Amino acid sequence: MPRGNPNPAFAVFWAISFVILVIAGVWCIYRSRVSRSKPEWDVLLFSILVPLVAVVGYYLFLGLLSYLARPWYFLALLSIVAVSLDCLAAGLANIK
């Protein structure tokens, strides 16, 4: 039974998706910065900040612990980033 990711192209695909979604979200926030009262603005801002802060905070936390990284340590990080990117994609789909 193989362990890990059998195809590295999946990791590249998700990294590119992450970058594209964050750039698109930042562009939409920049474009709608004048009318901040829209609830979509709050969803986009939350969906951009959460994965960025989560990745930085999680790596700082693991570095502070000085543990050898095990694959299952990243399950919580993967979950919060996936939910945030899904919310970001949904928010971008509702922008008119």
N, C-alpha and C. Protein backbone atom coordinates (compact mmCIF):
# COMPACT_ATOMS: atom_id res chain seq x y z
N MET A 1 0.84 -1.19 0.00
CA MET A 1 0.00 0.00 0.00
C MET A 1 0.88 1.24 0.00
N PRO A 2 0.74 2.10 -1.02
CA PRO A 2 1.61 3.28 -1.10
C PRO A 2 1.23 4.31 -0.04
N ARG A 3 2.23 5.00 0.43
CA ARG A 3 2.01 6.06 1.41
C ARG A 3 2.24 7.41 0.74
N GLY A 4 1.55 8.40 1.21
CA GLY A 4 1.75 9.74 0.68
C GLY A 4 1.00 9.97 -0.61
N ASN A 5 1.43 10.97 -1.31
CA ASN A 5 0.79 11.37 -2.56
C ASN A 5 1.40 10.57 -3.72
N PRO A 6 0.64 9.74 -4.39
CA PRO A 6 1.21 8.96 -5.47
C PRO A 6 1.53 9.78 -6.72
N ASN A 7 0.95 10.96 -6.84
CA ASN A 7 1.19 11.78 -8.02
C ASN A 7 1.48 13.22 -7.57
N PRO A 8 2.71 13.70 -7.72
CA PRO A 8 3.05 15.05 -7.27
C PRO A 8 2.31 16.15 -8.03
N ALA A 9 1.71 15.82 -9.16
CA ALA A 9 0.96 16.83 -9.92
C ALA A 9 -0.23 17.35 -9.12
N PHE A 10 -0.78 16.52 -8.23
CA PHE A 10 -1.89 16.98 -7.40
C PHE A 10 -1.46 18.11 -6.47
N ALA A 11 -0.29 18.00 -5.89
CA ALA A 11 0.22 19.06 -5.00
C ALA A 11 0.44 20.35 -5.77
N VAL A 12 0.96 20.24 -6.97
CA VAL A 12 1.17 21.42 -7.81
C VAL A 12 -0.17 22.06 -8.18
N PHE A 13 -1.15 21.22 -8.53
CA PHE A 13 -2.47 21.73 -8.87
C PHE A 13 -3.08 22.51 -7.70
N TRP A 14 -3.02 21.96 -6.50
CA TRP A 14 -3.63 22.63 -5.35
C TRP A 14 -2.86 23.89 -4.96
N ALA A 15 -1.55 23.89 -5.13
CA ALA A 15 -0.77 25.11 -4.85
C ALA A 15 -1.13 26.22 -5.83
N ILE A 16 -1.26 25.87 -7.10
CA ILE A 16 -1.64 26.86 -8.11
C ILE A 16 -3.07 27.35 -7.87
N SER A 17 -3.97 26.46 -7.48
CA SER A 17 -5.34 26.85 -7.16
C SER A 17 -5.37 27.82 -5.99
N PHE A 18 -4.57 27.54 -4.97
CA PHE A 18 -4.48 28.42 -3.80
C PHE A 18 -4.04 29.81 -4.21
N VAL A 19 -2.99 29.91 -4.99
CA VAL A 19 -2.46 31.20 -5.41
C VAL A 19 -3.47 31.95 -6.28
N ILE A 20 -4.08 31.26 -7.22
CA ILE A 20 -5.06 31.91 -8.11
C ILE A 20 -6.26 32.41 -7.32
N LEU A 21 -6.78 31.60 -6.40
CA LEU A 21 -7.95 32.03 -5.62
C LEU A 21 -7.62 33.21 -4.72
N VAL A 22 -6.46 33.21 -4.10
CA VAL A 22 -6.08 34.33 -3.23
C VAL A 22 -5.89 35.60 -4.05
N ILE A 23 -5.25 35.51 -5.20
CA ILE A 23 -5.07 36.69 -6.05
C ILE A 23 -6.41 37.21 -6.54
N ALA A 24 -7.30 36.32 -6.95
CA ALA A 24 -8.63 36.75 -7.40
C ALA A 24 -9.41 37.39 -6.26
N GLY A 25 -9.31 36.83 -5.07
CA GLY A 25 -9.99 37.40 -3.91
C GLY A 25 -9.46 38.77 -3.55
N VAL A 26 -8.14 38.93 -3.57
CA VAL A 26 -7.54 40.24 -3.27
C VAL A 26 -7.97 41.26 -4.33
N TRP A 27 -8.03 40.84 -5.59
CA TRP A 27 -8.46 41.75 -6.64
C TRP A 27 -9.92 42.19 -6.43
N CYS A 28 -10.78 41.25 -6.06
CA CYS A 28 -12.19 41.59 -5.82
C CYS A 28 -12.35 42.50 -4.61
N ILE A 29 -11.57 42.26 -3.57
CA ILE A 29 -11.62 43.14 -2.40
C ILE A 29 -11.12 44.53 -2.76
N TYR A 30 -10.05 44.60 -3.51
CA TYR A 30 -9.53 45.90 -3.93
C TYR A 30 -10.54 46.64 -4.78
N ARG A 31 -11.22 45.91 -5.66
CA ARG A 31 -12.20 46.52 -6.55
C ARG A 31 -13.42 47.03 -5.78
N SER A 32 -13.81 46.32 -4.73
CA SER A 32 -15.02 46.71 -3.99
C SER A 32 -14.69 47.37 -2.65
N ARG A 33 -13.53 48.00 -2.54
CA ARG A 33 -13.12 48.59 -1.26
C ARG A 33 -13.96 49.80 -0.88
N VAL A 34 -14.57 50.46 -1.84
CA VAL A 34 -15.38 51.64 -1.55
C VAL A 34 -16.69 51.25 -0.86
N SER A 35 -17.31 50.19 -1.34
CA SER A 35 -18.61 49.76 -0.78
C SER A 35 -18.41 48.55 0.13
N ARG A 36 -17.79 48.76 1.27
CA ARG A 36 -17.47 47.68 2.19
C ARG A 36 -18.70 47.12 2.91
N SER A 37 -19.83 47.72 2.75
CA SER A 37 -21.02 47.29 3.48
C SER A 37 -21.59 45.97 2.96
N LYS A 38 -21.14 45.53 1.80
CA LYS A 38 -21.67 44.30 1.25
C LYS A 38 -21.18 43.11 2.09
N PRO A 39 -22.04 42.13 2.34
CA PRO A 39 -21.59 40.96 3.10
C PRO A 39 -20.58 40.11 2.33
N GLU A 40 -20.58 40.21 1.01
CA GLU A 40 -19.60 39.46 0.23
C GLU A 40 -18.18 39.92 0.53
N TRP A 41 -18.03 41.21 0.85
CA TRP A 41 -16.71 41.75 1.17
C TRP A 41 -16.17 41.09 2.43
N ASP A 42 -17.02 40.92 3.44
CA ASP A 42 -16.59 40.27 4.68
C ASP A 42 -16.22 38.81 4.45
N VAL A 43 -17.00 38.12 3.65
CA VAL A 43 -16.71 36.71 3.36
C VAL A 43 -15.39 36.58 2.61
N LEU A 44 -15.16 37.45 1.64
CA LEU A 44 -13.92 37.39 0.88
C LEU A 44 -12.72 37.71 1.76
N LEU A 45 -12.84 38.73 2.59
CA LEU A 45 -11.73 39.10 3.47
C LEU A 45 -11.41 37.97 4.44
N PHE A 46 -12.44 37.38 5.03
CA PHE A 46 -12.25 36.25 5.95
C PHE A 46 -11.62 35.06 5.23
N SER A 47 -12.11 34.79 4.03
CA SER A 47 -11.64 33.62 3.28
C SER A 47 -10.22 33.79 2.76
N ILE A 48 -9.75 35.01 2.65
CA ILE A 48 -8.36 35.24 2.25
C ILE A 48 -7.43 35.20 3.46
N LEU A 49 -7.85 35.81 4.55
CA LEU A 49 -6.98 35.91 5.71
C LEU A 49 -6.81 34.58 6.45
N VAL A 50 -7.87 33.79 6.53
CA VAL A 50 -7.80 32.55 7.31
C VAL A 50 -6.74 31.59 6.78
N PRO A 51 -6.71 31.25 5.48
CA PRO A 51 -5.67 30.30 5.07
C PRO A 51 -4.25 30.86 5.19
N LEU A 52 -4.09 32.15 4.94
CA LEU A 52 -2.76 32.73 5.05
C LEU A 52 -2.26 32.73 6.49
N VAL A 53 -3.12 33.15 7.42
CA VAL A 53 -2.74 33.17 8.83
C VAL A 53 -2.59 31.75 9.36
N ALA A 54 -3.44 30.85 8.91
CA ALA A 54 -3.36 29.46 9.38
C ALA A 54 -2.06 28.79 8.96
N VAL A 55 -1.65 28.99 7.72
CA VAL A 55 -0.41 28.37 7.24
C VAL A 55 0.79 28.91 8.00
N VAL A 56 0.88 30.24 8.12
CA VAL A 56 2.00 30.84 8.83
C VAL A 56 1.99 30.44 10.30
N GLY A 57 0.83 30.54 10.93
CA GLY A 57 0.73 30.20 12.35
C GLY A 57 1.02 28.74 12.63
N TYR A 58 0.57 27.86 11.78
CA TYR A 58 0.78 26.42 11.99
C TYR A 58 2.26 26.06 11.84
N TYR A 59 2.92 26.61 10.85
CA TYR A 59 4.34 26.33 10.68
C TYR A 59 5.16 26.94 11.82
N LEU A 60 4.79 28.11 12.30
CA LEU A 60 5.47 28.68 13.46
C LEU A 60 5.25 27.82 14.70
N PHE A 61 4.04 27.32 14.86
CA PHE A 61 3.72 26.45 16.00
C PHE A 61 4.53 25.16 15.94
N LEU A 62 4.58 24.52 14.78
CA LEU A 62 5.35 23.29 14.66
C LEU A 62 6.84 23.55 14.82
N GLY A 63 7.31 24.68 14.37
CA GLY A 63 8.71 25.03 14.57
C GLY A 63 9.03 25.29 16.03
N LEU A 64 8.09 25.87 16.74
CA LEU A 64 8.28 26.12 18.17
C LEU A 64 8.33 24.81 18.95
N LEU A 65 7.54 23.84 18.53
CA LEU A 65 7.55 22.54 19.21
C LEU A 65 8.81 21.74 18.92
N SER A 66 9.41 21.98 17.79
CA SER A 66 10.61 21.28 17.34
C SER A 66 10.40 19.78 17.21
N TYR A 67 9.23 19.38 16.80
CA TYR A 67 8.96 17.97 16.52
C TYR A 67 9.31 17.66 15.08
N LEU A 68 9.62 16.40 14.83
CA LEU A 68 9.70 15.94 13.45
C LEU A 68 8.28 15.90 12.90
N ALA A 69 8.10 16.47 11.75
CA ALA A 69 6.75 16.58 11.18
C ALA A 69 6.26 15.22 10.70
N ARG A 70 5.13 14.82 11.18
CA ARG A 70 4.47 13.60 10.73
C ARG A 70 3.35 14.00 9.78
N PRO A 71 2.99 13.16 8.83
CA PRO A 71 1.96 13.55 7.86
C PRO A 71 0.62 13.91 8.51
N TRP A 72 0.24 13.25 9.57
CA TRP A 72 -1.07 13.52 10.16
C TRP A 72 -1.09 14.82 10.96
N TYR A 73 0.07 15.44 11.20
CA TYR A 73 0.09 16.74 11.86
C TYR A 73 -0.54 17.82 10.99
N PHE A 74 -0.54 17.60 9.69
CA PHE A 74 -1.02 18.61 8.76
C PHE A 74 -2.48 18.45 8.38
N LEU A 75 -3.16 17.50 9.00
CA LEU A 75 -4.57 17.28 8.68
C LEU A 75 -5.43 18.47 9.09
N ALA A 76 -5.19 19.04 10.25
CA ALA A 76 -5.96 20.21 10.69
C ALA A 76 -5.70 21.41 9.77
N LEU A 77 -4.45 21.60 9.39
CA LEU A 77 -4.12 22.69 8.49
C LEU A 77 -4.77 22.49 7.12
N LEU A 78 -4.70 21.28 6.61
CA LEU A 78 -5.32 20.97 5.33
C LEU A 78 -6.82 21.22 5.38
N SER A 79 -7.44 20.85 6.47
CA SER A 79 -8.89 21.03 6.60
C SER A 79 -9.29 22.50 6.61
N ILE A 80 -8.62 23.30 7.39
CA ILE A 80 -9.00 24.71 7.47
C ILE A 80 -8.69 25.45 6.17
N VAL A 81 -7.61 25.08 5.50
CA VAL A 81 -7.30 25.71 4.21
C VAL A 81 -8.31 25.29 3.15
N ALA A 82 -8.70 24.02 3.16
CA ALA A 82 -9.68 23.55 2.17
C ALA A 82 -11.03 24.23 2.35
N VAL A 83 -11.49 24.35 3.59
CA VAL A 83 -12.78 25.00 3.84
C VAL A 83 -12.71 26.49 3.48
N SER A 84 -11.60 27.13 3.80
CA SER A 84 -11.46 28.55 3.47
C SER A 84 -11.40 28.78 1.97
N LEU A 85 -10.70 27.92 1.25
CA LEU A 85 -10.64 28.08 -0.21
C LEU A 85 -11.98 27.78 -0.86
N ASP A 86 -12.72 26.83 -0.30
CA ASP A 86 -14.06 26.56 -0.81
C ASP A 86 -14.97 27.76 -0.59
N CYS A 87 -14.88 28.37 0.58
CA CYS A 87 -15.67 29.56 0.89
C CYS A 87 -15.24 30.72 -0.02
N LEU A 88 -13.95 30.83 -0.28
CA LEU A 88 -13.46 31.88 -1.17
C LEU A 88 -13.96 31.67 -2.59
N ALA A 89 -13.92 30.45 -3.08
CA ALA A 89 -14.43 30.16 -4.43
C ALA A 89 -15.92 30.44 -4.53
N ALA A 90 -16.67 30.10 -3.49
CA ALA A 90 -18.11 30.39 -3.49
C ALA A 90 -18.36 31.89 -3.45
N GLY A 91 -17.56 32.61 -2.66
CA GLY A 91 -17.71 34.06 -2.61
C GLY A 91 -17.38 34.72 -3.93
N LEU A 92 -16.35 34.21 -4.61
CA LEU A 92 -15.99 34.77 -5.91
C LEU A 92 -17.04 34.45 -6.97
N ALA A 93 -17.70 33.31 -6.83
CA ALA A 93 -18.74 32.94 -7.80
C ALA A 93 -19.97 33.83 -7.66
N ASN A 94 -20.20 34.40 -6.46
CA ASN A 94 -21.37 35.25 -6.24
C ASN A 94 -21.13 36.71 -6.55
N ILE A 95 -19.91 37.09 -6.86
CA ILE A 95 -19.60 38.48 -7.19
C ILE A 95 -20.18 38.81 -8.55
N LYS A 96 -20.86 39.94 -8.62
CA LYS A 96 -21.49 40.34 -9.89
C LYS A 96 -20.73 41.47 -10.52
